[in-house]
């Protein structure tokens, strides 16, 4: 199942990320979840991350996710499709990773 795309946001060239009729919601990723993801690959378990660094990492990941969604919507529009599907994400992923 794909994500239904919305029309252009008023006053901007970007599309909203919402799927509920015009109310845009911020993507909220708990900092504690990101801390666990980071620490999962560390060899030294006593390594600590400053609180501000965790918040910055959270903001970076939120920005990455929003940009991924926007580019996938654009790819679906380019294909004249009303639904964003996995192949749209696969289409934008290489350039997205290079940009970040």
PDB file of N, CA and C in Angstrom:
ATOM      1  N   UNK A   1       0.823  -1.188   0.000  1.00  0.00           N
ATOM      2  CA  UNK A   1       0.000   0.000   0.000  1.00  0.00           C
ATOM      3  C   UNK A   1       0.864   1.248   0.000  1.00  0.00           C
ATOM      4  N   UNK A   2       0.482   2.218  -0.765  1.00  0.00           N
ATOM      5  CA  UNK A   2       1.247   3.449  -0.872  1.00  0.00           C
ATOM      6  C   UNK A   2       0.617   4.563  -0.061  1.00  0.00           C
ATOM      7  N   UNK A   3       1.228   5.713  -0.152  1.00  0.00           N
ATOM      8  CA  UNK A   3       0.753   6.907   0.536  1.00  0.00           C
ATOM      9  C   UNK A   3       0.096   7.804  -0.491  1.00  0.00           C
ATOM     10  N   UNK A   4      -1.101   8.263  -0.212  1.00  0.00           N
ATOM     11  CA  UNK A   4      -1.768   9.160  -1.146  1.00  0.00           C
ATOM     12  C   UNK A   4      -1.139  10.537  -1.041  1.00  0.00           C
ATOM     13  N   UNK A   5      -0.833  11.109  -2.186  1.00  0.00           N
ATOM     14  CA  UNK A   5      -0.204  12.426  -2.189  1.00  0.00           C
ATOM     15  C   UNK A   5      -1.267  13.510  -2.162  1.00  0.00           C
ATOM     16  N   UNK A   6      -0.895  14.655  -1.636  1.00  0.00           N
ATOM     17  CA  UNK A   6      -1.783  15.802  -1.569  1.00  0.00           C
ATOM     18  C   UNK A   6      -1.369  16.791  -2.642  1.00  0.00           C
ATOM     19  N   UNK A   7      -2.209  17.765  -2.929  1.00  0.00           N
ATOM     20  CA  UNK A   7      -1.879  18.817  -3.875  1.00  0.00           C
ATOM     21  C   UNK A   7      -0.864  19.770  -3.274  1.00  0.00           C
ATOM     22  N   UNK A   8      -0.394  20.738  -4.047  1.00  0.00           N
ATOM     23  CA  UNK A   8       0.596  21.685  -3.548  1.00  0.00           C
ATOM     24  C   UNK A   8       0.083  22.489  -2.365  1.00  0.00           C
ATOM     25  N   UNK A   9       0.995  22.757  -1.444  1.00  0.00           N
ATOM     26  CA  UNK A   9       0.643  23.596  -0.302  1.00  0.00           C
ATOM     27  C   UNK A   9       0.489  25.030  -0.782  1.00  0.00           C
ATOM     28  N   UNK A  10      -0.435  25.764  -0.194  1.00  0.00           N
ATOM     29  CA  UNK A  10      -0.666  27.138  -0.622  1.00  0.00           C
ATOM     30  C   UNK A  10       0.556  27.991  -0.313  1.00  0.00           C
ATOM     31  N   UNK A  11       1.008  28.749  -1.318  1.00  0.00           N
ATOM     32  CA  UNK A  11       2.104  29.665  -1.114  1.00  0.00           C
ATOM     33  C   UNK A  11       3.482  29.041  -1.161  1.00  0.00           C
ATOM     34  N   UNK A  12       3.581  27.757  -1.431  1.00  0.00           N
ATOM     35  CA  UNK A  12       4.899  27.138  -1.505  1.00  0.00           C
ATOM     36  C   UNK A  12       4.906  26.095  -2.605  1.00  0.00           C
ATOM     37  N   UNK A  13       6.084  25.751  -3.040  1.00  0.00           N
ATOM     38  CA  UNK A  13       6.222  24.730  -4.062  1.00  0.00           C
ATOM     39  C   UNK A  13       6.278  23.334  -3.485  1.00  0.00           C
ATOM     40  N   UNK A  14       6.216  23.212  -2.164  1.00  0.00           N
ATOM     41  CA  UNK A  14       6.330  21.916  -1.503  1.00  0.00           C
ATOM     42  C   UNK A  14       4.943  21.383  -1.158  1.00  0.00           C
ATOM     43  N   UNK A  15       4.836  20.098  -1.096  1.00  0.00           N
ATOM     44  CA  UNK A  15       3.587  19.461  -0.748  1.00  0.00           C
ATOM     45  C   UNK A  15       3.549  19.160   0.747  1.00  0.00           C
ATOM     46  N   UNK A  16       2.382  19.215   1.367  1.00  0.00           N
ATOM     47  CA  UNK A  16       2.292  18.889   2.792  1.00  0.00           C
ATOM     48  C   UNK A  16       2.538  17.399   3.015  1.00  0.00           C
ATOM     49  N   UNK A  17       2.992  17.066   4.196  1.00  0.00           N
ATOM     50  CA  UNK A  17       3.255  15.671   4.531  1.00  0.00           C
ATOM     51  C   UNK A  17       2.051  15.003   5.171  1.00  0.00           C
ATOM     52  N   UNK A  18       0.971  15.737   5.336  1.00  0.00           N
ATOM     53  CA  UNK A  18      -0.184  15.184   6.011  1.00  0.00           C
ATOM     54  C   UNK A  18      -1.026  14.328   5.072  1.00  0.00           C
ATOM     55  N   UNK A  19      -1.811  13.477   5.675  1.00  0.00           N
ATOM     56  CA  UNK A  19      -2.704  12.617   4.902  1.00  0.00           C
ATOM     57  C   UNK A  19      -4.127  12.740   5.434  1.00  0.00           C
ATOM     58  N   UNK A  20      -4.381  13.788   6.243  1.00  0.00           N
ATOM     59  CA  UNK A  20      -5.679  13.879   6.899  1.00  0.00           C
ATOM     60  C   UNK A  20      -6.439  15.155   6.566  1.00  0.00           C
ATOM     61  N   UNK A  21      -6.305  15.642   5.349  1.00  0.00           N
ATOM     62  CA  UNK A  21      -7.139  16.749   4.932  1.00  0.00           C
ATOM     63  C   UNK A  21      -6.609  18.137   5.230  1.00  0.00           C
ATOM     64  N   UNK A  22      -5.314  18.342   5.208  1.00  0.00           N
ATOM     65  CA  UNK A  22      -4.785  19.680   5.295  1.00  0.00           C
ATOM     66  C   UNK A  22      -4.098  20.058   6.588  1.00  0.00           C
ATOM     67  N   UNK A  23      -4.140  19.243   7.598  1.00  0.00           N
ATOM     68  CA  UNK A  23      -3.464  19.562   8.849  1.00  0.00           C
ATOM     69  C   UNK A  23      -2.098  18.898   8.857  1.00  0.00           C
ATOM     70  N   UNK A  24      -1.057  19.713   8.765  1.00  0.00           N
ATOM     71  CA  UNK A  24       0.293  19.173   8.762  1.00  0.00           C
ATOM     72  C   UNK A  24       0.753  18.927  10.190  1.00  0.00           C
ATOM     73  N   UNK A  25       1.282  17.748  10.420  1.00  0.00           N
ATOM     74  CA  UNK A  25       1.798  17.410  11.735  1.00  0.00           C
ATOM     75  C   UNK A  25       3.306  17.241  11.638  1.00  0.00           C
ATOM     76  N   UNK A  26       4.005  17.666  12.666  1.00  0.00           N
ATOM     77  CA  UNK A  26       5.445  17.484  12.717  1.00  0.00           C
ATOM     78  C   UNK A  26       5.753  16.014  12.968  1.00  0.00           C
ATOM     79  N   UNK A  27       6.837  15.572  12.384  1.00  0.00           N
ATOM     80  CA  UNK A  27       7.304  14.215  12.642  1.00  0.00           C
ATOM     81  C   UNK A  27       7.987  14.237  14.001  1.00  0.00           C
ATOM     82  N   UNK A  28       7.553  13.396  14.906  1.00  0.00           N
ATOM     83  CA  UNK A  28       8.123  13.370  16.247  1.00  0.00           C
ATOM     84  C   UNK A  28       8.825  12.044  16.474  1.00  0.00           C
ATOM     85  N   UNK A  29      10.134  12.117  16.633  1.00  0.00           N
ATOM     86  CA  UNK A  29      10.923  10.923  16.925  1.00  0.00           C
ATOM     87  C   UNK A  29      11.491  11.108  18.325  1.00  0.00           C
ATOM     88  N   UNK A  30      11.157  10.236  19.246  1.00  0.00           N
ATOM     89  CA  UNK A  30      11.663  10.396  20.611  1.00  0.00           C
ATOM     90  C   UNK A  30      13.198  10.320  20.640  1.00  0.00           C
ATOM     91  N   UNK A  31      13.805  11.244  21.359  1.00  0.00           N
ATOM     92  CA  UNK A  31      15.264  11.273  21.468  1.00  0.00           C
ATOM     93  C   UNK A  31      15.775   9.974  22.088  1.00  0.00           C
ATOM     94  N   UNK A  32      15.027   9.406  23.021  1.00  0.00           N
ATOM     95  CA  UNK A  32      15.454   8.158  23.655  1.00  0.00           C
ATOM     96  C   UNK A  32      15.544   7.018  22.644  1.00  0.00           C
ATOM     97  N   UNK A  33      14.653   6.997  21.666  1.00  0.00           N
ATOM     98  CA  UNK A  33      14.696   5.974  20.621  1.00  0.00           C
ATOM     99  C   UNK A  33      15.957   6.125  19.775  1.00  0.00           C
ATOM    100  N   UNK A  34      16.278   7.366  19.426  1.00  0.00           N
ATOM    101  CA  UNK A  34      17.481   7.603  18.639  1.00  0.00           C
ATOM    102  C   UNK A  34      18.739   7.280  19.417  1.00  0.00           C
ATOM    103  N   UNK A  35      18.733   7.553  20.712  1.00  0.00           N
ATOM    104  CA  UNK A  35      19.887   7.192  21.551  1.00  0.00           C
ATOM    105  C   UNK A  35      20.117   5.682  21.527  1.00  0.00           C
ATOM    106  N   UNK A  36      19.034   4.925  21.603  1.00  0.00           N
ATOM    107  CA  UNK A  36      19.153   3.471  21.562  1.00  0.00           C
ATOM    108  C   UNK A  36      19.674   3.001  20.206  1.00  0.00           C
ATOM    109  N   UNK A  37      19.224   3.631  19.132  1.00  0.00           N
ATOM    110  CA  UNK A  37      19.717   3.273  17.797  1.00  0.00           C
ATOM    111  C   UNK A  37      21.207   3.564  17.659  1.00  0.00           C
ATOM    112  N   UNK A  38      21.637   4.706  18.172  1.00  0.00           N
ATOM    113  CA  UNK A  38      23.046   5.060  18.106  1.00  0.00           C
ATOM    114  C   UNK A  38      23.903   4.090  18.908  1.00  0.00           C
ATOM    115  N   UNK A  39      23.502   3.807  20.108  1.00  0.00           N
ATOM    116  CA  UNK A  39      24.300   2.975  21.009  1.00  0.00           C
ATOM    117  C   UNK A  39      24.324   1.509  20.594  1.00  0.00           C
ATOM    118  N   UNK A  40      23.407   1.103  19.751  1.00  0.00           N
ATOM    119  CA  UNK A  40      23.338  -0.290  19.334  1.00  0.00           C
ATOM    120  C   UNK A  40      24.559  -0.757  18.558  1.00  0.00           C
ATOM    121  N   UNK A  41      25.295   0.156  17.949  1.00  0.00           N
ATOM    122  CA  UNK A  41      26.459  -0.216  17.143  1.00  0.00           C
ATOM    123  C   UNK A  41      27.788   0.194  17.773  1.00  0.00           C
ATOM    124  N   UNK A  42      27.773   0.702  18.968  1.00  0.00           N
ATOM    125  CA  UNK A  42      29.003   1.136  19.616  1.00  0.00           C
ATOM    126  C   UNK A  42      29.727  -0.041  20.249  1.00  0.00           C
ATOM    127  N   UNK A  43      31.030  -0.021  20.125  1.00  0.00           N
ATOM    128  CA  UNK A  43      31.837  -1.082  20.735  1.00  0.00           C
ATOM    129  C   UNK A  43      32.088  -0.807  22.212  1.00  0.00           C
ATOM    130  N   UNK A  44      32.168   0.477  22.581  1.00  0.00           N
ATOM    131  CA  UNK A  44      32.410   0.850  23.970  1.00  0.00           C
ATOM    132  C   UNK A  44      31.088   1.296  24.593  1.00  0.00           C
ATOM    133  N   UNK A  45      30.592   0.507  25.502  1.00  0.00           N
ATOM    134  CA  UNK A  45      29.277   0.785  26.079  1.00  0.00           C
ATOM    135  C   UNK A  45      29.282   1.990  27.014  1.00  0.00           C
ATOM    136  N   UNK A  46      30.463   2.456  27.419  1.00  0.00           N
ATOM    137  CA  UNK A  46      30.522   3.602  28.319  1.00  0.00           C
ATOM    138  C   UNK A  46      30.563   4.942  27.572  1.00  0.00           C
ATOM    139  N   UNK A  47      30.452   4.936  26.251  1.00  0.00           N
ATOM    140  CA  UNK A  47      30.438   6.161  25.457  1.00  0.00           C
ATOM    141  C   UNK A  47      29.152   6.934  25.738  1.00  0.00           C
ATOM    142  N   UNK A  48      29.311   8.237  25.921  1.00  0.00           N
ATOM    143  CA  UNK A  48      28.143   9.074  26.208  1.00  0.00           C
ATOM    144  C   UNK A  48      27.971  10.117  25.104  1.00  0.00           C
ATOM    145  N   UNK A  49      26.724  10.535  24.884  1.00  0.00           N
ATOM    146  CA  UNK A  49      26.400  11.551  23.886  1.00  0.00           C
ATOM    147  C   UNK A  49      25.787  12.742  24.615  1.00  0.00           C
ATOM    148  N   UNK A  50      26.263  13.928  24.290  1.00  0.00           N
ATOM    149  CA  UNK A  50      25.721  15.141  24.908  1.00  0.00           C
ATOM    150  C   UNK A  50      24.260  15.298  24.502  1.00  0.00           C
ATOM    151  N   UNK A  51      23.471  15.841  25.392  1.00  0.00           N
ATOM    152  CA  UNK A  51      22.035  16.037  25.161  1.00  0.00           C
ATOM    153  C   UNK A  51      21.775  16.860  23.888  1.00  0.00           C
ATOM    154  N   UNK A  52      22.567  17.911  23.673  1.00  0.00           N
ATOM    155  CA  UNK A  52      22.395  18.753  22.491  1.00  0.00           C
ATOM    156  C   UNK A  52      22.711  17.990  21.205  1.00  0.00           C
ATOM    157  N   UNK A  53      23.705  17.102  21.273  1.00  0.00           N
ATOM    158  CA  UNK A  53      24.052  16.293  20.100  1.00  0.00           C
ATOM    159  C   UNK A  53      22.904  15.343  19.748  1.00  0.00           C
ATOM    160  N   UNK A  54      22.249  14.805  20.753  1.00  0.00           N
ATOM    161  CA  UNK A  54      21.100  13.920  20.511  1.00  0.00           C
ATOM    162  C   UNK A  54      19.952  14.686  19.862  1.00  0.00           C
ATOM    163  N   UNK A  55      19.713  15.906  20.333  1.00  0.00           N
ATOM    164  CA  UNK A  55      18.651  16.724  19.745  1.00  0.00           C
ATOM    165  C   UNK A  55      18.973  17.077  18.296  1.00  0.00           C
ATOM    166  N   UNK A  56      20.233  17.390  18.044  1.00  0.00           N
ATOM    167  CA  UNK A  56      20.653  17.717  16.687  1.00  0.00           C
ATOM    168  C   UNK A  56      20.512  16.511  15.756  1.00  0.00           C
ATOM    169  N   UNK A  57      20.893  15.330  16.245  1.00  0.00           N
ATOM    170  CA  UNK A  57      20.734  14.109  15.462  1.00  0.00           C
ATOM    171  C   UNK A  57      19.260  13.848  15.165  1.00  0.00           C
ATOM    172  N   UNK A  58      18.404  14.102  16.142  1.00  0.00           N
ATOM    173  CA  UNK A  58      16.960  13.939  15.970  1.00  0.00           C
ATOM    174  C   UNK A  58      16.447  14.873  14.877  1.00  0.00           C
ATOM    175  N   UNK A  59      16.871  16.137  14.901  1.00  0.00           N
ATOM    176  CA  UNK A  59      16.450  17.109  13.890  1.00  0.00           C
ATOM    177  C   UNK A  59      16.951  16.711  12.506  1.00  0.00           C
ATOM    178  N   UNK A  60      18.190  16.224  12.423  1.00  0.00           N
ATOM    179  CA  UNK A  60      18.742  15.771  11.149  1.00  0.00           C
ATOM    180  C   UNK A  60      17.919  14.615  10.581  1.00  0.00           C
ATOM    181  N   UNK A  61      17.577  13.657  11.420  1.00  0.00           N
ATOM    182  CA  UNK A  61      16.779  12.520  10.958  1.00  0.00           C
ATOM    183  C   UNK A  61      15.380  12.955  10.536  1.00  0.00           C
ATOM    184  N   UNK A  62      14.781  13.890  11.260  1.00  0.00           N
ATOM    185  CA  UNK A  62      13.461  14.407  10.883  1.00  0.00           C
ATOM    186  C   UNK A  62      13.529  15.099   9.524  1.00  0.00           C
ATOM    187  N   UNK A  63      14.558  15.888   9.319  1.00  0.00           N
ATOM    188  CA  UNK A  63      14.739  16.577   8.040  1.00  0.00           C
ATOM    189  C   UNK A  63      14.937  15.573   6.907  1.00  0.00           C
ATOM    190  N   UNK A  64      15.720  14.546   7.166  1.00  0.00           N
ATOM    191  CA  UNK A  64      15.961  13.502   6.175  1.00  0.00           C
ATOM    192  C   UNK A  64      14.657  12.800   5.790  1.00  0.00           C
ATOM    193  N   UNK A  65      13.845  12.485   6.776  1.00  0.00           N
ATOM    194  CA  UNK A  65      12.574  11.800   6.513  1.00  0.00           C
ATOM    195  C   UNK A  65      11.632  12.707   5.729  1.00  0.00           C
ATOM    196  N   UNK A  66      11.534  13.970   6.117  1.00  0.00           N
ATOM    197  CA  UNK A  66      10.660  14.907   5.400  1.00  0.00           C
ATOM    198  C   UNK A  66      11.111  15.065   3.945  1.00  0.00           C
ATOM    199  N   UNK A  67      12.397  15.182   3.725  1.00  0.00           N
ATOM    200  CA  UNK A  67      12.918  15.334   2.368  1.00  0.00           C
ATOM    201  C   UNK A  67      12.666  14.068   1.543  1.00  0.00           C
ATOM    202  N   UNK A  68      12.795  12.917   2.171  1.00  0.00           N
ATOM    203  CA  UNK A  68      12.515  11.654   1.487  1.00  0.00           C
ATOM    204  C   UNK A  68      11.066  11.587   1.034  1.00  0.00           C
ATOM    205  N   UNK A  69      10.153  11.983   1.911  1.00  0.00           N
ATOM    206  CA  UNK A  69       8.732  11.975   1.571  1.00  0.00           C
ATOM    207  C   UNK A  69       8.458  12.960   0.438  1.00  0.00           C
ATOM    208  N   UNK A  70       9.003  14.166   0.535  1.00  0.00           N
ATOM    209  CA  UNK A  70       8.761  15.182  -0.497  1.00  0.00           C
ATOM    210  C   UNK A  70       9.273  14.716  -1.859  1.00  0.00           C
ATOM    211  N   UNK A  71      10.474  14.171  -1.888  1.00  0.00           N
ATOM    212  CA  UNK A  71      11.038  13.715  -3.162  1.00  0.00           C
ATOM    213  C   UNK A  71      10.266  12.528  -3.722  1.00  0.00           C
ATOM    214  N   UNK A  72       9.775  11.665  -2.858  1.00  0.00           N
ATOM    215  CA  UNK A  72       8.970  10.530  -3.315  1.00  0.00           C
ATOM    216  C   UNK A  72       7.647  11.000  -3.905  1.00  0.00           C
ATOM    217  N   UNK A  73       7.048  12.016  -3.303  1.00  0.00           N
ATOM    218  CA  UNK A  73       5.815  12.596  -3.843  1.00  0.00           C
ATOM    219  C   UNK A  73       6.075  13.189  -5.221  1.00  0.00           C
ATOM    220  N   UNK A  74       7.185  13.911  -5.353  1.00  0.00           N
ATOM    221  CA  UNK A  74       7.542  14.492  -6.645  1.00  0.00           C
ATOM    222  C   UNK A  74       7.753  13.403  -7.699  1.00  0.00           C
ATOM    223  N   UNK A  75       8.395  12.313  -7.314  1.00  0.00           N
ATOM    224  CA  UNK A  75       8.607  11.200  -8.247  1.00  0.00           C
ATOM    225  C   UNK A  75       7.277  10.600  -8.684  1.00  0.00           C
ATOM    226  N   UNK A  76       6.333  10.482  -7.754  1.00  0.00           N
ATOM    227  CA  UNK A  76       5.006   9.961  -8.104  1.00  0.00           C
ATOM    228  C   UNK A  76       4.300  10.910  -9.064  1.00  0.00           C
ATOM    229  N   UNK A  77       4.418  12.215  -8.808  1.00  0.00           N
ATOM    230  CA  UNK A  77       3.811  13.193  -9.718  1.00  0.00           C
ATOM    231  C   UNK A  77       4.427  13.112 -11.100  1.00  0.00           C
ATOM    232  N   UNK A  78       5.740  12.939 -11.174  1.00  0.00           N
ATOM    233  CA  UNK A  78       6.421  12.816 -12.464  1.00  0.00           C
ATOM    234  C   UNK A  78       5.935  11.604 -13.241  1.00  0.00           C
ATOM    235  N   UNK A  79       5.551  10.554 -12.511  1.00  0.00           N
ATOM    236  CA  UNK A  79       5.017   9.339 -13.139  1.00  0.00           C
ATOM    237  C   UNK A  79       3.507   9.419 -13.336  1.00  0.00           C
ATOM    238  N   UNK A  80       2.900  10.555 -13.030  1.00  0.00           N
ATOM    239  CA  UNK A  80       1.449  10.764 -13.118  1.00  0.00           C
ATOM    240  C   UNK A  80       0.673   9.734 -12.314  1.00  0.00           C
ATOM    241  N   UNK A  81       1.172   9.440 -11.121  1.00  0.00           N
ATOM    242  CA  UNK A  81       0.510   8.485 -10.243  1.00  0.00           C
ATOM    243  C   UNK A  81      -0.029   9.212  -9.024  1.00  0.00           C
ATOM    244  N   UNK A  82      -1.137   8.712  -8.488  1.00  0.00           N
ATOM    245  CA  UNK A  82      -1.785   9.340  -7.341  1.00  0.00           C
ATOM    246  C   UNK A  82      -1.315   8.741  -6.018  1.00  0.00           C
ATOM    247  N   UNK A  83      -0.491   7.711  -6.077  1.00  0.00           N
ATOM    248  CA  UNK A  83      -0.040   7.034  -4.870  1.00  0.00           C
ATOM    249  C   UNK A  83       1.481   6.942  -4.885  1.00  0.00           C
ATOM    250  N   UNK A  84       2.100   7.298  -3.761  1.00  0.00           N
ATOM    251  CA  UNK A  84       3.545   7.132  -3.606  1.00  0.00           C
ATOM    252  C   UNK A  84       3.790   5.696  -3.179  1.00  0.00           C
ATOM    253  N   UNK A  85       4.641   5.023  -3.928  1.00  0.00           N
ATOM    254  CA  UNK A  85       4.896   3.616  -3.687  1.00  0.00           C
ATOM    255  C   UNK A  85       6.383   3.387  -3.459  1.00  0.00           C
ATOM    256  N   UNK A  86       6.754   2.170  -3.149  1.00  0.00           N
ATOM    257  CA  UNK A  86       8.146   1.835  -2.870  1.00  0.00           C
ATOM    258  C   UNK A  86       9.073   2.182  -4.036  1.00  0.00           C
ATOM    259  N   UNK A  87       8.625   1.973  -5.260  1.00  0.00           N
ATOM    260  CA  UNK A  87       9.508   2.251  -6.393  1.00  0.00           C
ATOM    261  C   UNK A  87       9.816   3.747  -6.523  1.00  0.00           C
ATOM    262  N   UNK A  88       8.961   4.609  -5.993  1.00  0.00           N
ATOM    263  CA  UNK A  88       9.263   6.047  -5.989  1.00  0.00           C
ATOM    264  C   UNK A  88      10.388   6.345  -4.998  1.00  0.00           C
ATOM    265  N   UNK A  89      10.337   5.694  -3.860  1.00  0.00           N
ATOM    266  CA  UNK A  89      11.412   5.837  -2.881  1.00  0.00           C
ATOM    267  C   UNK A  89      12.724   5.307  -3.448  1.00  0.00           C
ATOM    268  N   UNK A  90      12.658   4.175  -4.117  1.00  0.00           N
ATOM    269  CA  UNK A  90      13.867   3.609  -4.722  1.00  0.00           C
ATOM    270  C   UNK A  90      14.437   4.525  -5.804  1.00  0.00           C
ATOM    271  N   UNK A  91      13.574   5.256  -6.460  1.00  0.00           N
ATOM    272  CA  UNK A  91      13.998   6.165  -7.518  1.00  0.00           C
ATOM    273  C   UNK A  91      14.757   7.362  -6.947  1.00  0.00           C
ATOM    274  N   UNK A  92      14.338   7.865  -5.790  1.00  0.00           N
ATOM    275  CA  UNK A  92      14.960   9.073  -5.229  1.00  0.00           C
ATOM    276  C   UNK A  92      16.080   8.765  -4.246  1.00  0.00           C
ATOM    277  N   UNK A  93      16.192   7.544  -3.775  1.00  0.00           N
ATOM    278  CA  UNK A  93      17.156   7.210  -2.730  1.00  0.00           C
ATOM    279  C   UNK A  93      18.617   7.501  -3.079  1.00  0.00           C
ATOM    280  N   UNK A  94      19.110   7.140  -4.263  1.00  0.00           N
ATOM    281  CA  UNK A  94      20.538   7.397  -4.533  1.00  0.00           C
ATOM    282  C   UNK A  94      20.926   8.873  -4.431  1.00  0.00           C
ATOM    283  N   UNK A  95      20.168   9.760  -5.054  1.00  0.00           N
ATOM    284  CA  UNK A  95      20.499  11.185  -4.997  1.00  0.00           C
ATOM    285  C   UNK A  95      20.283  11.743  -3.593  1.00  0.00           C
ATOM    286  N   UNK A  96      19.267  11.262  -2.914  1.00  0.00           N
ATOM    287  CA  UNK A  96      18.988  11.702  -1.552  1.00  0.00           C
ATOM    288  C   UNK A  96      20.174  11.402  -0.637  1.00  0.00           C
ATOM    289  N   UNK A  97      20.712  10.199  -0.741  1.00  0.00           N
ATOM    290  CA  UNK A  97      21.848   9.828   0.097  1.00  0.00           C
ATOM    291  C   UNK A  97      23.097  10.647  -0.248  1.00  0.00           C
ATOM    292  N   UNK A  98      23.273  10.954  -1.503  1.00  0.00           N
ATOM    293  CA  UNK A  98      24.402  11.805  -1.898  1.00  0.00           C
ATOM    294  C   UNK A  98      24.234  13.226  -1.364  1.00  0.00           C
ATOM    295  N   UNK A  99      23.015  13.729  -1.336  1.00  0.00           N
ATOM    296  CA  UNK A  99      22.760  15.086  -0.860  1.00  0.00           C
ATOM    297  C   UNK A  99      22.954  15.224   0.645  1.00  0.00           C
ATOM    298  N   UNK A 100      22.721  14.141   1.381  1.00  0.00           N
ATOM    299  CA  UNK A 100      22.882  14.209   2.827  1.00  0.00           C
ATOM    300  C   UNK A 100      24.249  13.737   3.220  1.00  0.00           C
TER     301      UNK A 100
END
